[in-house]
Amino acid sequence: MTVLSILEGLAIGLVPIRVMQDEIGSGKAKQIPTSTPVPGHRVSLCYQASEFGPSLTSVLDIIRELIAQHRLFV
């Protein structure tokens, strides 16, 4: 499942609101409230060391922020 699949209406995904905030605000995606809290989960990131650059640094920064501020991952 990818965010693109969600935006195309082909999937429902469990995605942090921060990641989809602009799409929810513009109406491209819809937030579905849950009645049961979703516990934190593990995240793994695999990459080629030669590909490490600004884009991957941005992804890591977002993950670190989610861990530190929102406790979305454990």
PDB file of N, CA and C in Angstrom:
ATOM      1  N   MET A   1       0.835  -1.164   0.000  1.00  0.00           N
ATOM      2  CA  MET A   1       0.000   0.000   0.000  1.00  0.00           C
ATOM      3  C   MET A   1       0.888   1.238   0.000  1.00  0.00           C
ATOM      4  N   THR A   2       0.526   2.186  -0.831  1.00  0.00           N
ATOM      5  CA  THR A   2       1.261   3.437  -0.870  1.00  0.00           C
ATOM      6  C   THR A   2       0.301   4.593  -0.656  1.00  0.00           C
ATOM      7  N   VAL A   3       0.858   5.750  -0.353  1.00  0.00           N
ATOM      8  CA  VAL A   3       0.021   6.942  -0.203  1.00  0.00           C
ATOM      9  C   VAL A   3      -0.700   7.222  -1.508  1.00  0.00           C
ATOM     10  N   LEU A   4      -0.051   6.951  -2.639  1.00  0.00           N
ATOM     11  CA  LEU A   4      -0.691   7.155  -3.937  1.00  0.00           C
ATOM     12  C   LEU A   4      -1.940   6.289  -4.062  1.00  0.00           C
ATOM     13  N   SER A   5      -1.879   5.053  -3.592  1.00  0.00           N
ATOM     14  CA  SER A   5      -3.051   4.169  -3.619  1.00  0.00           C
ATOM     15  C   SER A   5      -4.191   4.749  -2.785  1.00  0.00           C
ATOM     16  N   ILE A   6      -3.854   5.359  -1.662  1.00  0.00           N
ATOM     17  CA  ILE A   6      -4.871   5.982  -0.816  1.00  0.00           C
ATOM     18  C   ILE A   6      -5.503   7.154  -1.566  1.00  0.00           C
ATOM     19  N   LEU A   7      -4.660   8.003  -2.154  1.00  0.00           N
ATOM     20  CA  LEU A   7      -5.159   9.186  -2.845  1.00  0.00           C
ATOM     21  C   LEU A   7      -5.968   8.836  -4.091  1.00  0.00           C
ATOM     22  N   GLU A   8      -5.695   7.687  -4.693  1.00  0.00           N
ATOM     23  CA  GLU A   8      -6.453   7.242  -5.865  1.00  0.00           C
ATOM     24  C   GLU A   8      -7.748   6.541  -5.470  1.00  0.00           C
ATOM     25  N   GLY A   9      -7.964   6.377  -4.156  1.00  0.00           N
ATOM     26  CA  GLY A   9      -9.182   5.722  -3.689  1.00  0.00           C
ATOM     27  C   GLY A   9      -9.132   4.213  -3.790  1.00  0.00           C
ATOM     28  N   LEU A  10      -7.926   3.659  -3.898  1.00  0.00           N
ATOM     29  CA  LEU A  10      -7.765   2.215  -4.039  1.00  0.00           C
ATOM     30  C   LEU A  10      -7.439   1.515  -2.729  1.00  0.00           C
ATOM     31  N   ALA A  11      -7.157   2.311  -1.689  1.00  0.00           N
ATOM     32  CA  ALA A  11      -6.734   1.702  -0.428  1.00  0.00           C
ATOM     33  C   ALA A  11      -7.118   2.579   0.747  1.00  0.00           C
ATOM     34  N   ILE A  12      -7.219   1.943   1.892  1.00  0.00           N
ATOM     35  CA  ILE A  12      -7.328   2.638   3.167  1.00  0.00           C
ATOM     36  C   ILE A  12      -6.023   2.353   3.882  1.00  0.00           C
ATOM     37  N   GLY A  13      -5.430   3.363   4.471  1.00  0.00           N
ATOM     38  CA  GLY A  13      -4.142   3.149   5.105  1.00  0.00           C
ATOM     39  C   GLY A  13      -4.080   3.724   6.502  1.00  0.00           C
ATOM     40  N   LEU A  14      -3.237   3.132   7.289  1.00  0.00           N
ATOM     41  CA  LEU A  14      -2.948   3.623   8.628  1.00  0.00           C
ATOM     42  C   LEU A  14      -1.684   4.466   8.503  1.00  0.00           C
ATOM     43  N   VAL A  15      -1.887   5.769   8.329  1.00  0.00           N
ATOM     44  CA  VAL A  15      -0.799   6.696   8.047  1.00  0.00           C
ATOM     45  C   VAL A  15      -0.864   7.829   9.073  1.00  0.00           C
ATOM     46  N   PRO A  16       0.272   8.252   9.615  1.00  0.00           N
ATOM     47  CA  PRO A  16       0.240   9.377  10.554  1.00  0.00           C
ATOM     48  C   PRO A  16      -0.423  10.600   9.922  1.00  0.00           C
ATOM     49  N   ILE A  17      -1.264  11.279  10.683  1.00  0.00           N
ATOM     50  CA  ILE A  17      -1.974  12.453  10.173  1.00  0.00           C
ATOM     51  C   ILE A  17      -0.987  13.484   9.644  1.00  0.00           C
ATOM     52  N   ARG A  18       0.148  13.638  10.302  1.00  0.00           N
ATOM     53  CA  ARG A  18       1.138  14.621   9.870  1.00  0.00           C
ATOM     54  C   ARG A  18       1.566  14.373   8.423  1.00  0.00           C
ATOM     55  N   VAL A  19       1.652  13.123   8.032  1.00  0.00           N
ATOM     56  CA  VAL A  19       2.071  12.777   6.677  1.00  0.00           C
ATOM     57  C   VAL A  19       1.005  13.177   5.657  1.00  0.00           C
ATOM     58  N   MET A  20      -0.264  13.084   6.036  1.00  0.00           N
ATOM     59  CA  MET A  20      -1.370  13.335   5.108  1.00  0.00           C
ATOM     60  C   MET A  20      -2.090  14.656   5.381  1.00  0.00           C
ATOM     61  N   GLN A  21      -1.537  15.500   6.223  1.00  0.00           N
ATOM     62  CA  GLN A  21      -2.211  16.716   6.668  1.00  0.00           C
ATOM     63  C   GLN A  21      -2.658  17.594   5.499  1.00  0.00           C
ATOM     64  N   ASP A  22      -1.803  17.836   4.529  1.00  0.00           N
ATOM     65  CA  ASP A  22      -2.168  18.683   3.394  1.00  0.00           C
ATOM     66  C   ASP A  22      -3.284  18.053   2.560  1.00  0.00           C
ATOM     67  N   GLU A  23      -3.200  16.737   2.352  1.00  0.00           N
ATOM     68  CA  GLU A  23      -4.208  16.040   1.558  1.00  0.00           C
ATOM     69  C   GLU A  23      -5.562  16.017   2.271  1.00  0.00           C
ATOM     70  N   ILE A  24      -5.546  15.861   3.585  1.00  0.00           N
ATOM     71  CA  ILE A  24      -6.791  15.894   4.354  1.00  0.00           C
ATOM     72  C   ILE A  24      -7.389  17.298   4.280  1.00  0.00           C
ATOM     73  N   GLY A  25      -6.544  18.316   4.432  1.00  0.00           N
ATOM     74  CA  GLY A  25      -7.004  19.701   4.377  1.00  0.00           C
ATOM     75  C   GLY A  25      -7.603  20.082   3.037  1.00  0.00           C
ATOM     76  N   SER A  26      -7.055  19.532   1.946  1.00  0.00           N
ATOM     77  CA  SER A  26      -7.552  19.868   0.606  1.00  0.00           C
ATOM     78  C   SER A  26      -8.703  18.971   0.165  1.00  0.00           C
ATOM     79  N   GLY A  27      -9.027  17.966   0.986  1.00  0.00           N
ATOM     80  CA  GLY A  27     -10.122  17.064   0.635  1.00  0.00           C
ATOM     81  C   GLY A  27      -9.713  15.903  -0.254  1.00  0.00           C
ATOM     82  N   LYS A  28      -8.422  15.773  -0.552  1.00  0.00           N
ATOM     83  CA  LYS A  28      -7.943  14.654  -1.379  1.00  0.00           C
ATOM     84  C   LYS A  28      -7.955  13.339  -0.608  1.00  0.00           C
ATOM     85  N   ALA A  29      -7.879  13.429   0.709  1.00  0.00           N
ATOM     86  CA  ALA A  29      -7.933  12.243   1.575  1.00  0.00           C
ATOM     87  C   ALA A  29      -8.891  12.539   2.721  1.00  0.00           C
ATOM     88  N   LYS A  30      -9.423  11.498   3.295  1.00  0.00           N
ATOM     89  CA  LYS A  30     -10.376  11.647   4.390  1.00  0.00           C
ATOM     90  C   LYS A  30      -9.845  10.921   5.617  1.00  0.00           C
ATOM     91  N   GLN A  31      -9.936  11.580   6.744  1.00  0.00           N
ATOM     92  CA  GLN A  31      -9.547  10.965   8.005  1.00  0.00           C
ATOM     93  C   GLN A  31     -10.740  10.185   8.549  1.00  0.00           C
ATOM     94  N   ILE A  32     -10.507   8.942   8.887  1.00  0.00           N
ATOM     95  CA  ILE A  32     -11.555   8.097   9.457  1.00  0.00           C
ATOM     96  C   ILE A  32     -11.221   7.895  10.929  1.00  0.00           C
ATOM     97  N   PRO A  33     -12.039   8.462  11.832  1.00  0.00           N
ATOM     98  CA  PRO A  33     -11.757   8.300  13.263  1.00  0.00           C
ATOM     99  C   PRO A  33     -11.840   6.829  13.681  1.00  0.00           C
ATOM    100  N   THR A  34     -11.010   6.453  14.620  1.00  0.00           N
ATOM    101  CA  THR A  34     -11.058   5.102  15.164  1.00  0.00           C
ATOM    102  C   THR A  34     -11.537   5.159  16.607  1.00  0.00           C
ATOM    103  N   SER A  35     -12.210   4.116  17.026  1.00  0.00           N
ATOM    104  CA  SER A  35     -12.700   4.091  18.402  1.00  0.00           C
ATOM    105  C   SER A  35     -11.695   3.446  19.342  1.00  0.00           C
ATOM    106  N   THR A  36     -10.740   2.743  18.786  1.00  0.00           N
ATOM    107  CA  THR A  36      -9.714   2.083  19.582  1.00  0.00           C
ATOM    108  C   THR A  36      -8.366   2.720  19.266  1.00  0.00           C
ATOM    109  N   PRO A  37      -7.628   3.151  20.275  1.00  0.00           N
ATOM    110  CA  PRO A  37      -6.312   3.727  20.003  1.00  0.00           C
ATOM    111  C   PRO A  37      -5.408   2.721  19.285  1.00  0.00           C
ATOM    112  N   VAL A  38      -4.619   3.227  18.382  1.00  0.00           N
ATOM    113  CA  VAL A  38      -3.682   2.374  17.651  1.00  0.00           C
ATOM    114  C   VAL A  38      -2.345   2.437  18.377  1.00  0.00           C
ATOM    115  N   PRO A  39      -1.846   1.298  18.857  1.00  0.00           N
ATOM    116  CA  PRO A  39      -0.579   1.316  19.596  1.00  0.00           C
ATOM    117  C   PRO A  39       0.598   1.616  18.670  1.00  0.00           C
ATOM    118  N   GLY A  40       1.695   2.059  19.274  1.00  0.00           N
ATOM    119  CA  GLY A  40       2.900   2.297  18.503  1.00  0.00           C
ATOM    120  C   GLY A  40       3.397   1.007  17.863  1.00  0.00           C
ATOM    121  N   HIS A  41       4.188   1.155  16.828  1.00  0.00           N
ATOM    122  CA  HIS A  41       4.723  -0.016  16.147  1.00  0.00           C
ATOM    123  C   HIS A  41       6.157   0.265  15.701  1.00  0.00           C
ATOM    124  N   ARG A  42       6.826  -0.760  15.288  1.00  0.00           N
ATOM    125  CA  ARG A  42       8.226  -0.629  14.870  1.00  0.00           C
ATOM    126  C   ARG A  42       8.306  -0.100  13.447  1.00  0.00           C
ATOM    127  N   VAL A  43       9.416   0.566  13.165  1.00  0.00           N
ATOM    128  CA  VAL A  43       9.678   1.046  11.816  1.00  0.00           C
ATOM    129  C   VAL A  43      11.116   0.669  11.468  1.00  0.00           C
ATOM    130  N   SER A  44      11.305   0.248  10.241  1.00  0.00           N
ATOM    131  CA  SER A  44      12.652  -0.078   9.752  1.00  0.00           C
ATOM    132  C   SER A  44      12.873   0.680   8.458  1.00  0.00           C
ATOM    133  N   LEU A  45      14.071   1.122   8.246  1.00  0.00           N
ATOM    134  CA  LEU A  45      14.411   1.837   7.037  1.00  0.00           C
ATOM    135  C   LEU A  45      15.678   1.212   6.473  1.00  0.00           C
ATOM    136  N   CYS A  46      15.572   0.678   5.265  1.00  0.00           N
ATOM    137  CA  CYS A  46      16.726   0.068   4.597  1.00  0.00           C
ATOM    138  C   CYS A  46      17.067   0.919   3.379  1.00  0.00           C
ATOM    139  N   TYR A  47      18.327   1.128   3.155  1.00  0.00           N
ATOM    140  CA  TYR A  47      18.746   1.959   2.031  1.00  0.00           C
ATOM    141  C   TYR A  47      20.182   1.615   1.667  1.00  0.00           C
ATOM    142  N   GLN A  48      20.571   1.996   0.453  1.00  0.00           N
ATOM    143  CA  GLN A  48      21.954   1.837   0.037  1.00  0.00           C
ATOM    144  C   GLN A  48      22.737   3.037   0.561  1.00  0.00           C
ATOM    145  N   ALA A  49      23.859   2.779   1.179  1.00  0.00           N
ATOM    146  CA  ALA A  49      24.663   3.872   1.737  1.00  0.00           C
ATOM    147  C   ALA A  49      25.016   4.902   0.667  1.00  0.00           C
ATOM    148  N   SER A  50      25.205   4.462  -0.564  1.00  0.00           N
ATOM    149  CA  SER A  50      25.560   5.395  -1.637  1.00  0.00           C
ATOM    150  C   SER A  50      24.405   6.327  -2.010  1.00  0.00           C
ATOM    151  N   GLU A  51      23.181   5.974  -1.608  1.00  0.00           N
ATOM    152  CA  GLU A  51      22.002   6.791  -1.924  1.00  0.00           C
ATOM    153  C   GLU A  51      21.633   7.751  -0.807  1.00  0.00           C
ATOM    154  N   PHE A  52      22.384   7.741   0.288  1.00  0.00           N
ATOM    155  CA  PHE A  52      22.057   8.619   1.404  1.00  0.00           C
ATOM    156  C   PHE A  52      22.300  10.062   0.995  1.00  0.00           C
ATOM    157  N   GLY A  53      21.263  10.875   1.098  1.00  0.00           N
ATOM    158  CA  GLY A  53      21.366  12.277   0.701  1.00  0.00           C
ATOM    159  C   GLY A  53      20.250  13.071   1.342  1.00  0.00           C
ATOM    160  N   PRO A  54      19.965  14.260   0.811  1.00  0.00           N
ATOM    161  CA  PRO A  54      18.962  15.150   1.421  1.00  0.00           C
ATOM    162  C   PRO A  54      17.559  14.531   1.524  1.00  0.00           C
ATOM    163  N   SER A  55      17.128  13.788   0.535  1.00  0.00           N
ATOM    164  CA  SER A  55      15.781  13.199   0.577  1.00  0.00           C
ATOM    165  C   SER A  55      15.669  12.174   1.698  1.00  0.00           C
ATOM    166  N   LEU A  56      16.651  11.312   1.806  1.00  0.00           N
ATOM    167  CA  LEU A  56      16.626  10.299   2.855  1.00  0.00           C
ATOM    168  C   LEU A  56      16.793  10.937   4.229  1.00  0.00           C
ATOM    169  N   THR A  57      17.589  11.988   4.302  1.00  0.00           N
ATOM    170  CA  THR A  57      17.740  12.722   5.561  1.00  0.00           C
ATOM    171  C   THR A  57      16.395  13.285   5.996  1.00  0.00           C
ATOM    172  N   SER A  58      15.594  13.793   5.060  1.00  0.00           N
ATOM    173  CA  SER A  58      14.263  14.324   5.383  1.00  0.00           C
ATOM    174  C   SER A  58      13.357  13.233   5.935  1.00  0.00           C
ATOM    175  N   VAL A  59      13.390  12.056   5.333  1.00  0.00           N
ATOM    176  CA  VAL A  59      12.586  10.930   5.816  1.00  0.00           C
ATOM    177  C   VAL A  59      13.001  10.565   7.239  1.00  0.00           C
ATOM    178  N   LEU A  60      14.290  10.477   7.476  1.00  0.00           N
ATOM    179  CA  LEU A  60      14.781  10.154   8.820  1.00  0.00           C
ATOM    180  C   LEU A  60      14.372  11.219   9.833  1.00  0.00           C
ATOM    181  N   ASP A  61      14.425  12.482   9.437  1.00  0.00           N
ATOM    182  CA  ASP A  61      14.015  13.566  10.335  1.00  0.00           C
ATOM    183  C   ASP A  61      12.545  13.443  10.715  1.00  0.00           C
ATOM    184  N   ILE A  62      11.689  13.114   9.742  1.00  0.00           N
ATOM    185  CA  ILE A  62      10.258  12.940  10.019  1.00  0.00           C
ATOM    186  C   ILE A  62      10.045  11.772  10.974  1.00  0.00           C
ATOM    187  N   ILE A  63      10.726  10.657  10.733  1.00  0.00           N
ATOM    188  CA  ILE A  63      10.583   9.488  11.600  1.00  0.00           C
ATOM    189  C   ILE A  63      11.044   9.818  13.015  1.00  0.00           C
ATOM    190  N   ARG A  64      12.163  10.495  13.131  1.00  0.00           N
ATOM    191  CA  ARG A  64      12.659  10.876  14.463  1.00  0.00           C
ATOM    192  C   ARG A  64      11.668  11.796  15.175  1.00  0.00           C
ATOM    193  N   GLU A  65      11.062  12.726  14.436  1.00  0.00           N
ATOM    194  CA  GLU A  65      10.070  13.626  15.034  1.00  0.00           C
ATOM    195  C   GLU A  65       8.844  12.840  15.509  1.00  0.00           C
ATOM    196  N   LEU A  66       8.386  11.903  14.696  1.00  0.00           N
ATOM    197  CA  LEU A  66       7.238  11.086  15.078  1.00  0.00           C
ATOM    198  C   LEU A  66       7.533  10.272  16.330  1.00  0.00           C
ATOM    199  N   ILE A  67       8.748   9.756  16.423  1.00  0.00           N
ATOM    200  CA  ILE A  67       9.141   8.981  17.601  1.00  0.00           C
ATOM    201  C   ILE A  67       9.196   9.883  18.831  1.00  0.00           C
ATOM    202  N   ALA A  68       9.852  11.024  18.710  1.00  0.00           N
ATOM    203  CA  ALA A  68      10.077  11.894  19.867  1.00  0.00           C
ATOM    204  C   ALA A  68       8.823  12.629  20.319  1.00  0.00           C
ATOM    205  N   GLN A  69       8.068  13.178  19.395  1.00  0.00           N
ATOM    206  CA  GLN A  69       6.962  14.050  19.773  1.00  0.00           C
ATOM    207  C   GLN A  69       5.612  13.352  19.827  1.00  0.00           C
ATOM    208  N   HIS A  70       5.407  12.373  18.979  1.00  0.00           N
ATOM    209  CA  HIS A  70       4.079  11.800  18.853  1.00  0.00           C
ATOM    210  C   HIS A  70       4.004  10.343  19.319  1.00  0.00           C
ATOM    211  N   ARG A  71       5.148   9.737  19.599  1.00  0.00           N
ATOM    212  CA  ARG A  71       5.220   8.358  20.069  1.00  0.00           C
ATOM    213  C   ARG A  71       4.430   7.406  19.165  1.00  0.00           C
ATOM    214  N   LEU A  72       4.575   7.609  17.826  1.00  0.00           N
ATOM    215  CA  LEU A  72       3.865   6.736  16.893  1.00  0.00           C
ATOM    216  C   LEU A  72       4.602   5.425  16.669  1.00  0.00           C
ATOM    217  N   PHE A  73       5.893   5.426  16.935  1.00  0.00           N
ATOM    218  CA  PHE A  73       6.678   4.216  16.787  1.00  0.00           C
ATOM    219  C   PHE A  73       7.327   3.906  18.134  1.00  0.00           C
ATOM    220  N   VAL A  74       7.544   2.620  18.405  1.00  0.00           N
ATOM    221  CA  VAL A  74       8.171   2.240  19.657  1.00  0.00           C
ATOM    222  C   VAL A  74       9.483   1.543  19.392  1.00  0.00           C
TER     223      VAL A  74
END
